[in-house]
PDB file of N, CA and C in Angstrom:
ATOM      1  N   THR A   1       0.826  -1.190   0.000  1.00  0.00           N
ATOM      2  CA  THR A   1       0.000   0.000   0.000  1.00  0.00           C
ATOM      3  C   THR A   1       0.868   1.250   0.000  1.00  0.00           C
ATOM      4  N   GLY A   2       0.250   2.367  -0.333  1.00  0.00           N
ATOM      5  CA  GLY A   2       0.973   3.637  -0.355  1.00  0.00           C
ATOM      6  C   GLY A   2       1.450   4.056   1.018  1.00  0.00           C
ATOM      7  N   GLU A   3       0.645   3.763   2.042  1.00  0.00           N
ATOM      8  CA  GLU A   3       1.045   4.129   3.405  1.00  0.00           C
ATOM      9  C   GLU A   3       2.305   3.377   3.810  1.00  0.00           C
ATOM     10  N   ALA A   4       2.334   2.088   3.541  1.00  0.00           N
ATOM     11  CA  ALA A   4       3.509   1.276   3.872  1.00  0.00           C
ATOM     12  C   ALA A   4       4.728   1.729   3.082  1.00  0.00           C
ATOM     13  N   ALA A   5       4.531   2.125   1.836  1.00  0.00           N
ATOM     14  CA  ALA A   5       5.653   2.593   1.016  1.00  0.00           C
ATOM     15  C   ALA A   5       6.259   3.865   1.592  1.00  0.00           C
ATOM     16  N   GLY A   6       5.431   4.779   2.069  1.00  0.00           N
ATOM     17  CA  GLY A   6       5.931   6.013   2.681  1.00  0.00           C
ATOM     18  C   GLY A   6       6.751   5.729   3.922  1.00  0.00           C
ATOM     19  N   ILE A   7       6.260   4.816   4.752  1.00  0.00           N
ATOM     20  CA  ILE A   7       6.995   4.430   5.957  1.00  0.00           C
ATOM     21  C   ILE A   7       8.290   3.727   5.576  1.00  0.00           C
ATOM     22  N   ALA A   8       8.213   2.824   4.604  1.00  0.00           N
ATOM     23  CA  ALA A   8       9.396   2.074   4.173  1.00  0.00           C
ATOM     24  C   ALA A   8      10.483   2.991   3.617  1.00  0.00           C
ATOM     25  N   MET A   9      10.093   4.025   2.875  1.00  0.00           N
ATOM     26  CA  MET A   9      11.098   4.976   2.370  1.00  0.00           C
ATOM     27  C   MET A   9      11.847   5.608   3.524  1.00  0.00           C
ATOM     28  N   GLY A  10      11.115   5.986   4.561  1.00  0.00           N
ATOM     29  CA  GLY A  10      11.753   6.572   5.727  1.00  0.00           C
ATOM     30  C   GLY A  10      12.684   5.600   6.426  1.00  0.00           C
ATOM     31  N   LEU A  11      12.270   4.341   6.525  1.00  0.00           N
ATOM     32  CA  LEU A  11      13.117   3.345   7.177  1.00  0.00           C
ATOM     33  C   LEU A  11      14.388   3.077   6.382  1.00  0.00           C
ATOM     34  N   VAL A  12      14.267   3.027   5.069  1.00  0.00           N
ATOM     35  CA  VAL A  12      15.443   2.825   4.221  1.00  0.00           C
ATOM     36  C   VAL A  12      16.417   3.989   4.369  1.00  0.00           C
ATOM     37  N   MET A  13      15.887   5.186   4.551  1.00  0.00           N
ATOM     38  CA  MET A  13      16.714   6.398   4.655  1.00  0.00           C
ATOM     39  C   MET A  13      16.926   6.826   6.109  1.00  0.00           C
ATOM     40  N   LEU A  14      16.662   5.952   7.061  1.00  0.00           N
ATOM     41  CA  LEU A  14      16.687   6.273   8.491  1.00  0.00           C
ATOM     42  C   LEU A  14      17.924   7.079   8.886  1.00  0.00           C
ATOM     43  N   GLY A  15      17.682   8.296   9.354  1.00  0.00           N
ATOM     44  CA  GLY A  15      18.750   9.150   9.854  1.00  0.00           C
ATOM     45  C   GLY A  15      19.668   9.747   8.809  1.00  0.00           C
ATOM     46  N   SER A  16      19.348   9.579   7.534  1.00  0.00           N
ATOM     47  CA  SER A  16      20.253  10.040   6.466  1.00  0.00           C
ATOM     48  C   SER A  16      20.210  11.550   6.247  1.00  0.00           C
ATOM     49  N   LYS A  17      19.118  12.182   6.633  1.00  0.00           N
ATOM     50  CA  LYS A  17      18.898  13.615   6.382  1.00  0.00           C
ATOM     51  C   LYS A  17      19.081  13.957   4.903  1.00  0.00           C
ATOM     52  N   SER A  18      18.685  13.043   4.030  1.00  0.00           N
ATOM     53  CA  SER A  18      18.821  13.247   2.588  1.00  0.00           C
ATOM     54  C   SER A  18      17.886  14.365   2.129  1.00  0.00           C
ATOM     55  N   ALA A  19      18.479  15.495   1.760  1.00  0.00           N
ATOM     56  CA  ALA A  19      17.690  16.666   1.358  1.00  0.00           C
ATOM     57  C   ALA A  19      16.799  16.355   0.162  1.00  0.00           C
ATOM     58  N   SER A  20      17.334  15.648  -0.821  1.00  0.00           N
ATOM     59  CA  SER A  20      16.530  15.368  -2.018  1.00  0.00           C
ATOM     60  C   SER A  20      15.358  14.446  -1.686  1.00  0.00           C
ATOM     61  N   ALA A  21      15.582  13.447  -0.846  1.00  0.00           N
ATOM     62  CA  ALA A  21      14.492  12.541  -0.464  1.00  0.00           C
ATOM     63  C   ALA A  21      13.424  13.294   0.320  1.00  0.00           C
ATOM     64  N   ILE A  22      13.854  14.131   1.259  1.00  0.00           N
ATOM     65  CA  ILE A  22      12.896  14.886   2.071  1.00  0.00           C
ATOM     66  C   ILE A  22      12.100  15.850   1.200  1.00  0.00           C
ATOM     67  N   GLU A  23      12.775  16.554   0.308  1.00  0.00           N
ATOM     68  CA  GLU A  23      12.078  17.484  -0.588  1.00  0.00           C
ATOM     69  C   GLU A  23      11.039  16.753  -1.428  1.00  0.00           C
ATOM     70  N   ASP A  24      11.422  15.589  -1.982  1.00  0.00           N
ATOM     71  CA  ASP A  24      10.491  14.813  -2.800  1.00  0.00           C
ATOM     72  C   ASP A  24       9.304  14.314  -1.977  1.00  0.00           C
ATOM     73  N   MET A  25       9.583  13.828  -0.777  1.00  0.00           N
ATOM     74  CA  MET A  25       8.515  13.299   0.070  1.00  0.00           C
ATOM     75  C   MET A  25       7.550  14.408   0.492  1.00  0.00           C
ATOM     76  N   VAL A  26       8.085  15.551   0.889  1.00  0.00           N
ATOM     77  CA  VAL A  26       7.229  16.673   1.299  1.00  0.00           C
ATOM     78  C   VAL A  26       6.418  17.179   0.109  1.00  0.00           C
ATOM     79  N   ALA A  27       7.059  17.328  -1.043  1.00  0.00           N
ATOM     80  CA  ALA A  27       6.353  17.816  -2.232  1.00  0.00           C
ATOM     81  C   ALA A  27       5.214  16.872  -2.613  1.00  0.00           C
ATOM     82  N   TYR A  28       5.484  15.564  -2.611  1.00  0.00           N
ATOM     83  CA  TYR A  28       4.430  14.617  -2.967  1.00  0.00           C
ATOM     84  C   TYR A  28       3.316  14.627  -1.918  1.00  0.00           C
ATOM     85  N   ALA A  29       3.700  14.742  -0.643  1.00  0.00           N
ATOM     86  CA  ALA A  29       2.698  14.791   0.427  1.00  0.00           C
ATOM     87  C   ALA A  29       1.787  16.004   0.265  1.00  0.00           C
ATOM     88  N   GLN A  30       2.334  17.119  -0.184  1.00  0.00           N
ATOM     89  CA  GLN A  30       1.532  18.327  -0.373  1.00  0.00           C
ATOM     90  C   GLN A  30       0.627  18.234  -1.596  1.00  0.00           C
ATOM     91  N   GLU A  31       0.981  17.379  -2.547  1.00  0.00           N
ATOM     92  CA  GLU A  31       0.206  17.253  -3.784  1.00  0.00           C
ATOM     93  C   GLU A  31      -0.861  16.166  -3.738  1.00  0.00           C
ATOM     94  N   THR A  32      -0.592  15.081  -3.021  1.00  0.00           N
ATOM     95  CA  THR A  32      -1.474  13.915  -3.092  1.00  0.00           C
ATOM     96  C   THR A  32      -2.823  14.167  -2.426  1.00  0.00           C
ATOM     97  N   GLN A  33      -3.829  13.514  -2.956  1.00  0.00           N
ATOM     98  CA  GLN A  33      -5.170  13.560  -2.380  1.00  0.00           C
ATOM     99  C   GLN A  33      -5.458  12.286  -1.580  1.00  0.00           C
ATOM    100  N   HIS A  34      -4.496  11.362  -1.540  1.00  0.00           N
ATOM    101  CA  HIS A  34      -4.672  10.070  -0.878  1.00  0.00           C
ATOM    102  C   HIS A  34      -4.175  10.146   0.564  1.00  0.00           C
ATOM    103  N   GLU A  35      -5.103  10.095   1.498  1.00  0.00           N
ATOM    104  CA  GLU A  35      -4.747  10.281   2.905  1.00  0.00           C
ATOM    105  C   GLU A  35      -3.805   9.196   3.417  1.00  0.00           C
ATOM    106  N   LYS A  36      -3.981   7.961   2.952  1.00  0.00           N
ATOM    107  CA  LYS A  36      -3.102   6.884   3.423  1.00  0.00           C
ATOM    108  C   LYS A  36      -1.659   7.136   2.999  1.00  0.00           C
ATOM    109  N   ILE A  37      -1.462   7.575   1.772  1.00  0.00           N
ATOM    110  CA  ILE A  37      -0.109   7.890   1.302  1.00  0.00           C
ATOM    111  C   ILE A  37       0.455   9.036   2.127  1.00  0.00           C
ATOM    112  N   LEU A  38      -0.340  10.043   2.368  1.00  0.00           N
ATOM    113  CA  LEU A  38       0.086  11.197   3.156  1.00  0.00           C
ATOM    114  C   LEU A  38       0.499  10.779   4.565  1.00  0.00           C
ATOM    115  N   ARG A  39      -0.274   9.900   5.190  1.00  0.00           N
ATOM    116  CA  ARG A  39       0.076   9.427   6.539  1.00  0.00           C
ATOM    117  C   ARG A  39       1.400   8.670   6.531  1.00  0.00           C
ATOM    118  N   GLY A  40       1.608   7.833   5.527  1.00  0.00           N
ATOM    119  CA  GLY A  40       2.864   7.092   5.424  1.00  0.00           C
ATOM    120  C   GLY A  40       4.050   8.008   5.212  1.00  0.00           C
ATOM    121  N   LEU A  41       3.877   9.004   4.349  1.00  0.00           N
ATOM    122  CA  LEU A  41       4.957   9.962   4.106  1.00  0.00           C
ATOM    123  C   LEU A  41       5.251  10.790   5.351  1.00  0.00           C
ATOM    124  N   ALA A  42       4.222  11.107   6.129  1.00  0.00           N
ATOM    125  CA  ALA A  42       4.422  11.883   7.358  1.00  0.00           C
ATOM    126  C   ALA A  42       5.374  11.158   8.303  1.00  0.00           C
ATOM    127  N   VAL A  43       5.194   9.865   8.438  1.00  0.00           N
ATOM    128  CA  VAL A  43       6.078   9.071   9.298  1.00  0.00           C
ATOM    129  C   VAL A  43       7.438   8.885   8.627  1.00  0.00           C
ATOM    130  N   GLY A  44       7.435   8.634   7.323  1.00  0.00           N
ATOM    131  CA  GLY A  44       8.688   8.441   6.588  1.00  0.00           C
ATOM    132  C   GLY A  44       9.600   9.652   6.652  1.00  0.00           C
ATOM    133  N   ILE A  45       9.029  10.836   6.551  1.00  0.00           N
ATOM    134  CA  ILE A  45       9.815  12.076   6.651  1.00  0.00           C
ATOM    135  C   ILE A  45      10.495  12.136   8.017  1.00  0.00           C
ATOM    136  N   ALA A  46       9.748  11.812   9.062  1.00  0.00           N
ATOM    137  CA  ALA A  46      10.309  11.837  10.419  1.00  0.00           C
ATOM    138  C   ALA A  46      11.452  10.832  10.560  1.00  0.00           C
ATOM    139  N   PHE A  47      11.281   9.627  10.026  1.00  0.00           N
ATOM    140  CA  PHE A  47      12.342   8.614  10.111  1.00  0.00           C
ATOM    141  C   PHE A  47      13.634   9.102   9.463  1.00  0.00           C
ATOM    142  N   THR A  48      13.511   9.833   8.379  1.00  0.00           N
ATOM    143  CA  THR A  48      14.693  10.317   7.659  1.00  0.00           C
ATOM    144  C   THR A  48      15.530  11.256   8.523  1.00  0.00           C
ATOM    145  N   MET A  49      14.904  11.885   9.502  1.00  0.00           N
ATOM    146  CA  MET A  49      15.619  12.830  10.378  1.00  0.00           C
ATOM    147  C   MET A  49      16.014  12.217  11.719  1.00  0.00           C
ATOM    148  N   TYR A  50      15.923  10.902  11.844  1.00  0.00           N
ATOM    149  CA  TYR A  50      16.248  10.211  13.093  1.00  0.00           C
ATOM    150  C   TYR A  50      17.636  10.595  13.619  1.00  0.00           C
ATOM    151  N   GLY A  51      17.679  11.037  14.865  1.00  0.00           N
ATOM    152  CA  GLY A  51      18.937  11.330  15.543  1.00  0.00           C
ATOM    153  C   GLY A  51      19.657  12.580  15.083  1.00  0.00           C
ATOM    154  N   ARG A  52      19.018  13.439  14.309  1.00  0.00           N
ATOM    155  CA  ARG A  52      19.685  14.609  13.734  1.00  0.00           C
ATOM    156  C   ARG A  52      19.640  15.856  14.606  1.00  0.00           C
ATOM    157  N   LEU A  53      18.957  15.790  15.740  1.00  0.00           N
ATOM    158  CA  LEU A  53      18.910  16.895  16.701  1.00  0.00           C
ATOM    159  C   LEU A  53      18.592  18.226  16.023  1.00  0.00           C
ATOM    160  N   GLU A  54      19.404  19.258  16.292  1.00  0.00           N
ATOM    161  CA  GLU A  54      19.127  20.612  15.783  1.00  0.00           C
ATOM    162  C   GLU A  54      19.139  20.697  14.259  1.00  0.00           C
ATOM    163  N   GLU A  55      19.785  19.744  13.599  1.00  0.00           N
ATOM    164  CA  GLU A  55      19.795  19.753  12.130  1.00  0.00           C
ATOM    165  C   GLU A  55      18.380  19.638  11.569  1.00  0.00           C
ATOM    166  N   ALA A  56      17.467  19.100  12.340  1.00  0.00           N
ATOM    167  CA  ALA A  56      16.089  18.905  11.879  1.00  0.00           C
ATOM    168  C   ALA A  56      15.203  20.120  12.125  1.00  0.00           C
ATOM    169  N   ASP A  57      15.686  21.100  12.866  1.00  0.00           N
ATOM    170  CA  ASP A  57      14.831  22.212  13.294  1.00  0.00           C
ATOM    171  C   ASP A  57      14.199  22.994  12.146  1.00  0.00           C
ATOM    172  N   THR A  58      14.929  23.223  11.069  1.00  0.00           N
ATOM    173  CA  THR A  58      14.371  23.961   9.928  1.00  0.00           C
ATOM    174  C   THR A  58      13.201  23.198   9.312  1.00  0.00           C
ATOM    175  N   LEU A  59      13.389  21.894   9.114  1.00  0.00           N
ATOM    176  CA  LEU A  59      12.307  21.067   8.567  1.00  0.00           C
ATOM    177  C   LEU A  59      11.124  21.036   9.529  1.00  0.00           C
ATOM    178  N   ILE A  60      11.407  20.909  10.813  1.00  0.00           N
ATOM    179  CA  ILE A  60      10.341  20.879  11.818  1.00  0.00           C
ATOM    180  C   ILE A  60       9.506  22.155  11.748  1.00  0.00           C
ATOM    181  N   GLU A  61      10.170  23.304  11.687  1.00  0.00           N
ATOM    182  CA  GLU A  61       9.456  24.586  11.590  1.00  0.00           C
ATOM    183  C   GLU A  61       8.552  24.613  10.362  1.00  0.00           C
ATOM    184  N   SER A  62       9.096  24.176   9.239  1.00  0.00           N
ATOM    185  CA  SER A  62       8.342  24.178   7.986  1.00  0.00           C
ATOM    186  C   SER A  62       7.120  23.266   8.079  1.00  0.00           C
ATOM    187  N   LEU A  63       7.309  22.064   8.602  1.00  0.00           N
ATOM    188  CA  LEU A  63       6.196  21.121   8.712  1.00  0.00           C
ATOM    189  C   LEU A  63       5.132  21.632   9.679  1.00  0.00           C
ATOM    190  N   CYS A  64       5.553  22.210  10.783  1.00  0.00           N
ATOM    191  CA  CYS A  64       4.600  22.691  11.794  1.00  0.00           C
ATOM    192  C   CYS A  64       3.760  23.860  11.294  1.00  0.00           C
ATOM    193  N   ARG A  65       4.231  24.555  10.277  1.00  0.00           N
ATOM    194  CA  ARG A  65       3.478  25.684   9.710  1.00  0.00           C
ATOM    195  C   ARG A  65       2.644  25.282   8.496  1.00  0.00           C
ATOM    196  N   ASP A  66       2.725  24.033   8.063  1.00  0.00           N
ATOM    197  CA  ASP A  66       2.003  23.600   6.868  1.00  0.00           C
ATOM    198  C   ASP A  66       0.496  23.694   7.103  1.00  0.00           C
ATOM    199  N   LYS A  67      -0.240  23.916   6.016  1.00  0.00           N
ATOM    200  CA  LYS A  67      -1.703  24.035   6.124  1.00  0.00           C
ATOM    201  C   LYS A  67      -2.366  22.683   6.372  1.00  0.00           C
ATOM    202  N   ASP A  68      -1.695  21.599   5.995  1.00  0.00           N
ATOM    203  CA  ASP A  68      -2.271  20.263   6.145  1.00  0.00           C
ATOM    204  C   ASP A  68      -2.024  19.726   7.562  1.00  0.00           C
ATOM    205  N   PRO A  69      -3.077  19.322   8.259  1.00  0.00           N
ATOM    206  CA  PRO A  69      -2.887  18.838   9.633  1.00  0.00           C
ATOM    207  C   PRO A  69      -2.027  17.581   9.731  1.00  0.00           C
ATOM    208  N   ILE A  70      -2.027  16.752   8.705  1.00  0.00           N
ATOM    209  CA  ILE A  70      -1.200  15.541   8.749  1.00  0.00           C
ATOM    210  C   ILE A  70       0.273  15.908   8.614  1.00  0.00           C
ATOM    211  N   LEU A  71       0.593  16.909   7.813  1.00  0.00           N
ATOM    212  CA  LEU A  71       1.988  17.355   7.728  1.00  0.00           C
ATOM    213  C   LEU A  71       2.405  18.080   9.007  1.00  0.00           C
ATOM    214  N   ARG A  72       1.470  18.763   9.649  1.00  0.00           N
ATOM    215  CA  ARG A  72       1.800  19.356  10.957  1.00  0.00           C
ATOM    216  C   ARG A  72       2.080  18.249  11.972  1.00  0.00           C
ATOM    217  N   ARG A  73       1.323  17.169  11.891  1.00  0.00           N
ATOM    218  CA  ARG A  73       1.588  16.009  12.742  1.00  0.00           C
ATOM    219  C   ARG A  73       2.973  15.449  12.438  1.00  0.00           C
ATOM    220  N   SER A  74       3.347  15.438  11.168  1.00  0.00           N
ATOM    221  CA  SER A  74       4.687  14.989  10.787  1.00  0.00           C
ATOM    222  C   SER A  74       5.763  15.833  11.467  1.00  0.00           C
ATOM    223  N   GLY A  75       5.480  17.118  11.661  1.00  0.00           N
ATOM    224  CA  GLY A  75       6.412  17.973  12.397  1.00  0.00           C
ATOM    225  C   GLY A  75       6.632  17.464  13.809  1.00  0.00           C
ATOM    226  N   MET A  76       5.557  16.997  14.455  1.00  0.00           N
ATOM    227  CA  MET A  76       5.675  16.445  15.812  1.00  0.00           C
ATOM    228  C   MET A  76       6.450  15.133  15.791  1.00  0.00           C
ATOM    229  N   TYR A  77       6.150  14.279  14.803  1.00  0.00           N
ATOM    230  CA  TYR A  77       6.896  13.026  14.666  1.00  0.00           C
ATOM    231  C   TYR A  77       8.379  13.308  14.431  1.00  0.00           C
ATOM    232  N   THR A  78       8.656  14.342  13.652  1.00  0.00           N
ATOM    233  CA  THR A  78      10.044  14.676  13.336  1.00  0.00           C
ATOM    234  C   THR A  78      10.784  15.156  14.577  1.00  0.00           C
ATOM    235  N   ILE A  79      10.112  15.914  15.434  1.00  0.00           N
ATOM    236  CA  ILE A  79      10.736  16.287  16.708  1.00  0.00           C
ATOM    237  C   ILE A  79      11.089  15.015  17.481  1.00  0.00           C
ATOM    238  N   ALA A  80      10.135  14.098  17.573  1.00  0.00           N
ATOM    239  CA  ALA A  80      10.359  12.859  18.321  1.00  0.00           C
ATOM    240  C   ALA A  80      11.529  12.058  17.757  1.00  0.00           C
ATOM    241  N   MET A  81      11.592  11.925  16.445  1.00  0.00           N
ATOM    242  CA  MET A  81      12.655  11.115  15.845  1.00  0.00           C
ATOM    243  C   MET A  81      14.007  11.818  15.884  1.00  0.00           C
ATOM    244  N   ALA A  82      14.026  13.115  15.673  1.00  0.00           N
ATOM    245  CA  ALA A  82      15.297  13.849  15.667  1.00  0.00           C
ATOM    246  C   ALA A  82      15.940  13.860  17.052  1.00  0.00           C
ATOM    247  N   TYR A  83      15.117  13.911  18.087  1.00  0.00           N
ATOM    248  CA  TYR A  83      15.631  13.999  19.462  1.00  0.00           C
ATOM    249  C   TYR A  83      15.410  12.700  20.246  1.00  0.00           C
ATOM    250  N   CYS A  84      15.131  11.616  19.561  1.00  0.00           N
ATOM    251  CA  CYS A  84      14.813  10.330  20.178  1.00  0.00           C
ATOM    252  C   CYS A  84      15.890   9.900  21.186  1.00  0.00           C
ATOM    253  N   GLY A  85      15.464   9.631  22.412  1.00  0.00           N
ATOM    254  CA  GLY A  85      16.373   9.133  23.436  1.00  0.00           C
ATOM    255  C   GLY A  85      17.277  10.159  24.085  1.00  0.00           C
ATOM    256  N   THR A  86      17.143  11.436  23.741  1.00  0.00           N
ATOM    257  CA  THR A  86      18.055  12.452  24.268  1.00  0.00           C
ATOM    258  C   THR A  86      17.557  13.102  25.550  1.00  0.00           C
ATOM    259  N   GLY A  87      16.257  13.110  25.774  1.00  0.00           N
ATOM    260  CA  GLY A  87      15.698  13.829  26.914  1.00  0.00           C
ATOM    261  C   GLY A  87      15.843  15.334  26.781  1.00  0.00           C
ATOM    262  N   ASN A  88      16.012  15.812  25.556  1.00  0.00           N
ATOM    263  CA  ASN A  88      16.229  17.234  25.290  1.00  0.00           C
ATOM    264  C   ASN A  88      15.051  18.068  25.796  1.00  0.00           C
ATOM    265  N   ASN A  89      15.347  19.009  26.698  1.00  0.00           N
ATOM    266  CA  ASN A  89      14.295  19.829  27.307  1.00  0.00           C
ATOM    267  C   ASN A  89      13.571  20.701  26.295  1.00  0.00           C
ATOM    268  N   LYS A  90      14.297  21.246  25.327  1.00  0.00           N
ATOM    269  CA  LYS A  90      13.672  22.101  24.310  1.00  0.00           C
ATOM    270  C   LYS A  90      12.623  21.309  23.521  1.00  0.00           C
ATOM    271  N   ALA A  91      12.973  20.081  23.132  1.00  0.00           N
ATOM    272  CA  ALA A  91      12.044  19.244  22.371  1.00  0.00           C
ATOM    273  C   ALA A  91      10.824  18.890  23.219  1.00  0.00           C
ATOM    274  N   ILE A  92      11.054  18.537  24.466  1.00  0.00           N
ATOM    275  CA  ILE A  92       9.948  18.175  25.354  1.00  0.00           C
ATOM    276  C   ILE A  92       9.026  19.371  25.584  1.00  0.00           C
ATOM    277  N   ARG A  93       9.613  20.541  25.836  1.00  0.00           N
ATOM    278  CA  ARG A  93       8.795  21.752  26.039  1.00  0.00           C
ATOM    279  C   ARG A  93       7.956  22.058  24.809  1.00  0.00           C
ATOM    280  N   ARG A  94       8.564  21.910  23.653  1.00  0.00           N
ATOM    281  CA  ARG A  94       7.833  22.204  22.413  1.00  0.00           C
ATOM    282  C   ARG A  94       6.654  21.249  22.231  1.00  0.00           C
ATOM    283  N   LEU A  95       6.890  19.972  22.468  1.00  0.00           N
ATOM    284  CA  LEU A  95       5.818  18.990  22.335  1.00  0.00           C
ATOM    285  C   LEU A  95       4.721  19.222  23.373  1.00  0.00           C
ATOM    286  N   LEU A  96       5.101  19.540  24.594  1.00  0.00           N
ATOM    287  CA  LEU A  96       4.106  19.835  25.630  1.00  0.00           C
ATOM    288  C   LEU A  96       3.286  21.072  25.278  1.00  0.00           C
ATOM    289  N   HIS A  97       3.940  22.083  24.729  1.00  0.00           N
ATOM    290  CA  HIS A  97       3.237  23.302  24.319  1.00  0.00           C
ATOM    291  C   HIS A  97       2.164  22.979  23.278  1.00  0.00           C
ATOM    292  N   ILE A  98       2.526  22.164  22.297  1.00  0.00           N
ATOM    293  CA  ILE A  98       1.563  21.782  21.251  1.00  0.00           C
ATOM    294  C   ILE A  98       0.434  20.950  21.860  1.00  0.00           C
ATOM    295  N   ALA A  99       0.774  20.058  22.779  1.00  0.00           N
ATOM    296  CA  ALA A  99      -0.227  19.175  23.381  1.00  0.00           C
ATOM    297  C   ALA A  99      -1.297  19.943  24.144  1.00  0.00           C
ATOM    298  N   VAL A 100      -0.922  21.047  24.770  1.00  0.00           N
ATOM    299  CA  VAL A 100      -1.890  21.783  25.585  1.00  0.00           C
ATOM    300  C   VAL A 100      -2.490  22.989  24.865  1.00  0.00           C
ATOM    301  N   SER A 101      -2.071  23.234  23.636  1.00  0.00           N
ATOM    302  CA  SER A 101      -2.580  24.391  22.880  1.00  0.00           C
ATOM    303  C   SER A 101      -3.869  24.050  22.164  1.00  0.00           C
TER     304      SER A 101
END
């Protein structure tokens, strides 16, 4: 399925921060009308930024400002994957702020 393909792309590129892959995934996510594909790409984009810490902040900002709620959710997933296992206070505060807003 398209959803699984989006997730699989992210897993194949796990932590690579591949600019071309991210640009392609975000562009397709913004164009597609298929919600399942969009959900898969949302997770796949986050996987691509695994462990990248502050390097992911620009992408996170962009995703969090997107008009599509699923891409905004991808911004939250990207925070989680970029800072996974770090206990980073900035990331936790940001996620808590979104959770209570």
